[in-house]
Every structure is written in C-alpha cells, then in structure tokens.
Amino acid sequence: MKPPFKFSASTRVGFSDTDAQGIVYYGRYNPYFDLARVEYLRLLGLLQARGEAGDFVMRANDVEYFAPAVFDDEIEVFVRVSRLGRTSATFEFAAYRVPDDVLMVTAHQTLVYVDLAERKACPVPEAFREPVLGFEGDDVDT
C-alpha cells in the first residue's frame, strides 16, 4: 500500500482506451477511478442501498496527468475518502503503472449526498459515515 491509501484496485489498459497516439485517452481515466471507487465501496459493504431516500451525485472531478499509459499496461488505482463533510464525500485517487511503480495520474472526486425526490443536498447517512470513518481512521478530514 501507499499511505495514506489503504485500498487499491487493478485494471489493464484496453486497446479501446488508447487514442491515435497510442496512449490512454485522458477521458478514459474516469472509468478507472469509477472501478476503484466501486470496489472500495464493495469492500466497506456500501454498494447496496439501505432504504435511504438519497444517493450520491458527482459534484466535482479534477485530474492531473503525469505520465502516459499504453495498451496492455497494468494500472493499480489507489483510492480513499480524503474528506467526509456534512453533505459530501471527497474521494482521492492515485494511479500507478505496474510493475515499475510510475505515478500516472491523480484525481479528486467530490460527491454530494442528495435527496432524490427533492434534488437537494442532505446529510450523509451514518450508515455511510461509520464504515468509512472506521476504515480510514484519522486519515479522513471531517
């Protein structure tokens, strides 16, 4: 692991992920982040809805690119919740090429918990907060 990250998910660059230059098209990193975020949530038992009237929606997504990846590269995507606010959660990502451990990209995604009927932000449920805070410990900003 790479502290403060405690979890990662691996993927491999597919041919359709590359552009005319033969490198991963910049927009194809978001599905890699989505994969890592889903696996993180699966680990914490947070994939299934628990009867709440709300859900998370994407508010912001920033990505910085440091090195190119090419077809068939293995990518290890580290993920964590770096901030857990009253109505939002910010996920942090760092993707490294395997086996040479080159940092490819970093990203942050802020998701807001929204009442689906009202379409307004509402407090993140304890059913989400507790497992995240239990897993991340003092490494999450609240």
Protein backbone atom coordinates (compact mmCIF):
# COMPACT_ATOMS: atom_id res chain seq x y z
CA MET A 1 0.00 0.00 0.00
CA LYS A 2 0.89 3.64 -0.32
CA PRO A 3 -0.10 5.55 2.83
CA PRO A 4 -2.47 7.19 3.43
CA PHE A 5 -4.17 4.84 0.95
CA LYS A 6 -5.39 1.56 2.43
CA PHE A 7 -7.05 0.11 -0.69
CA SER A 8 -6.40 -0.28 -4.41
CA ALA A 9 -7.97 -1.93 -7.42
CA SER A 10 -6.14 -3.11 -10.54
CA THR A 11 -7.11 -2.80 -14.16
CA ARG A 12 -5.44 -3.19 -17.53
CA VAL A 13 -5.40 -0.71 -20.40
CA GLY A 14 -7.57 -1.95 -23.23
CA PHE A 15 -6.97 -1.13 -26.89
CA SER A 16 -10.16 0.95 -26.98
CA ASP A 17 -8.77 3.10 -24.13
CA THR A 18 -6.00 4.45 -26.36
CA ASP A 19 -6.01 7.34 -28.81
CA ALA A 20 -4.35 7.88 -32.20
CA GLN A 21 -1.01 8.46 -30.42
CA GLY A 22 -1.25 5.02 -28.82
CA ILE A 23 -1.60 6.32 -25.25
CA VAL A 24 -4.56 6.26 -22.89
CA TYR A 25 -7.02 8.95 -23.89
CA TYR A 26 -7.33 11.37 -20.96
CA GLY A 27 -11.08 10.81 -20.55
CA ARG A 28 -10.60 7.05 -20.12
CA TYR A 29 -9.10 7.51 -16.66
CA ASN A 30 -12.52 8.31 -15.16
CA PRO A 31 -13.78 4.74 -15.68
CA TYR A 32 -10.62 3.52 -13.90
CA PHE A 33 -11.48 5.79 -10.96
CA ASP A 34 -15.09 4.58 -11.01
CA LEU A 35 -13.90 0.96 -10.88
CA ALA A 36 -11.67 1.69 -7.86
CA ARG A 37 -14.40 3.66 -6.08
CA VAL A 38 -16.95 0.85 -6.60
CA GLU A 39 -14.50 -1.79 -5.31
CA TYR A 40 -13.72 0.41 -2.29
CA LEU A 41 -17.43 0.75 -1.52
CA ARG A 42 -17.91 -3.01 -2.04
CA LEU A 43 -15.13 -3.68 0.50
CA LEU A 44 -16.93 -1.48 3.04
CA GLY A 45 -20.33 -3.05 2.33
CA LEU A 46 -21.69 0.20 0.92
CA LEU A 47 -22.79 -0.81 -2.58
CA GLN A 48 -26.35 -1.75 -1.70
CA ALA A 49 -28.95 0.90 -0.90
CA ARG A 50 -30.12 0.75 2.71
CA GLY A 51 -33.57 2.29 2.27
CA GLU A 52 -32.36 5.90 2.40
CA ALA A 53 -34.19 8.46 0.28
CA GLY A 54 -30.93 9.80 -1.10
CA ASP A 55 -27.85 8.91 -3.07
CA PHE A 56 -24.51 10.41 -4.06
CA VAL A 57 -24.16 12.51 -7.22
CA MET A 58 -20.93 13.82 -8.77
CA ARG A 59 -20.23 17.46 -7.94
CA ALA A 60 -16.59 17.90 -8.99
CA ASN A 61 -13.86 15.89 -10.67
CA ASP A 62 -10.27 17.05 -11.12
CA VAL A 63 -7.47 15.03 -12.70
CA GLU A 64 -3.73 15.68 -13.08
CA TYR A 65 -1.69 13.70 -15.61
CA PHE A 66 1.97 12.88 -15.02
CA ALA A 67 2.95 10.02 -17.35
CA PRO A 68 1.32 8.21 -20.28
CA ALA A 69 -0.03 4.68 -20.18
CA VAL A 70 -0.26 2.48 -23.27
CA PHE A 71 -2.19 -0.59 -24.39
CA ASP A 72 -1.86 -3.58 -22.03
CA ASP A 73 -0.25 -1.63 -19.17
CA GLU A 74 -1.44 -2.80 -15.77
CA ILE A 75 -2.64 0.09 -13.64
CA GLU A 76 -3.10 -0.02 -9.86
CA VAL A 77 -5.58 2.64 -8.75
CA PHE A 78 -5.36 3.63 -5.10
CA VAL A 79 -8.49 5.18 -3.61
CA ARG A 80 -9.61 6.62 -0.30
CA VAL A 81 -12.14 9.00 1.16
CA SER A 82 -9.98 12.00 2.00
CA ARG A 83 -12.79 14.23 3.27
CA LEU A 84 -16.21 13.46 4.70
CA GLY A 85 -18.31 16.59 5.09
CA ARG A 86 -21.85 17.09 6.30
CA THR A 87 -23.37 16.54 2.84
CA SER A 88 -20.44 15.35 0.73
CA ALA A 89 -17.61 12.87 0.40
CA THR A 90 -14.35 13.54 -1.46
CA PHE A 91 -12.52 10.57 -2.93
CA GLU A 92 -8.80 10.80 -3.71
CA PHE A 93 -7.13 8.63 -6.35
CA ALA A 94 -3.56 7.87 -7.44
CA ALA A 95 -2.95 5.52 -10.37
CA TYR A 96 0.42 3.81 -10.77
CA ARG A 97 1.77 1.65 -13.58
CA VAL A 98 2.73 -1.88 -12.56
CA PRO A 99 5.45 -3.16 -12.18
CA ASP A 100 7.65 -0.04 -12.43
CA ASP A 101 5.53 1.98 -9.95
CA VAL A 102 5.34 5.12 -12.09
CA LEU A 103 2.68 7.61 -10.97
CA MET A 104 0.38 8.12 -13.96
CA VAL A 105 -2.45 10.32 -12.68
CA THR A 106 -4.03 11.70 -9.52
CA ALA A 107 -7.62 12.80 -9.07
CA HIS A 108 -10.24 14.01 -6.63
CA GLN A 109 -13.97 13.45 -6.96
CA THR A 110 -16.46 15.18 -4.69
CA LEU A 111 -19.87 13.54 -4.45
CA VAL A 112 -22.81 15.24 -2.74
CA TYR A 113 -25.49 13.25 -0.96
CA VAL A 114 -28.82 14.33 -2.46
CA ASP A 115 -32.44 13.69 -1.51
CA LEU A 116 -33.59 12.11 -4.79
CA ALA A 117 -37.17 13.39 -4.56
CA GLU A 118 -36.22 16.98 -3.63
CA ARG A 119 -32.95 17.14 -5.60
CA LYS A 120 -31.35 18.94 -2.66
CA ALA A 121 -28.25 18.17 -0.63
CA CYS A 122 -28.89 16.43 2.67
CA PRO A 123 -26.67 14.95 5.42
CA VAL A 124 -24.55 11.91 4.59
CA PRO A 125 -26.19 8.99 6.45
CA GLU A 126 -24.47 7.39 9.43
CA ALA A 127 -24.73 4.07 7.55
CA PHE A 128 -22.11 5.51 5.15
CA ARG A 129 -20.09 7.57 7.62
CA GLU A 130 -19.44 4.84 10.16
CA PRO A 131 -17.80 2.26 7.84
CA VAL A 132 -15.73 4.93 6.08
CA LEU A 133 -14.51 6.51 9.31
CA GLY A 134 -13.85 3.05 10.77
CA PHE A 135 -11.74 2.09 7.76
CA GLU A 136 -9.91 5.38 7.18
CA GLY A 137 -9.43 6.34 10.84
CA ASP A 138 -7.61 9.62 11.36
CA ASP A 139 -6.64 9.83 7.67
CA VAL A 140 -10.01 11.34 6.70
CA ASP A 141 -10.76 15.02 7.18
CA THR A 142 -14.18 15.64 8.75
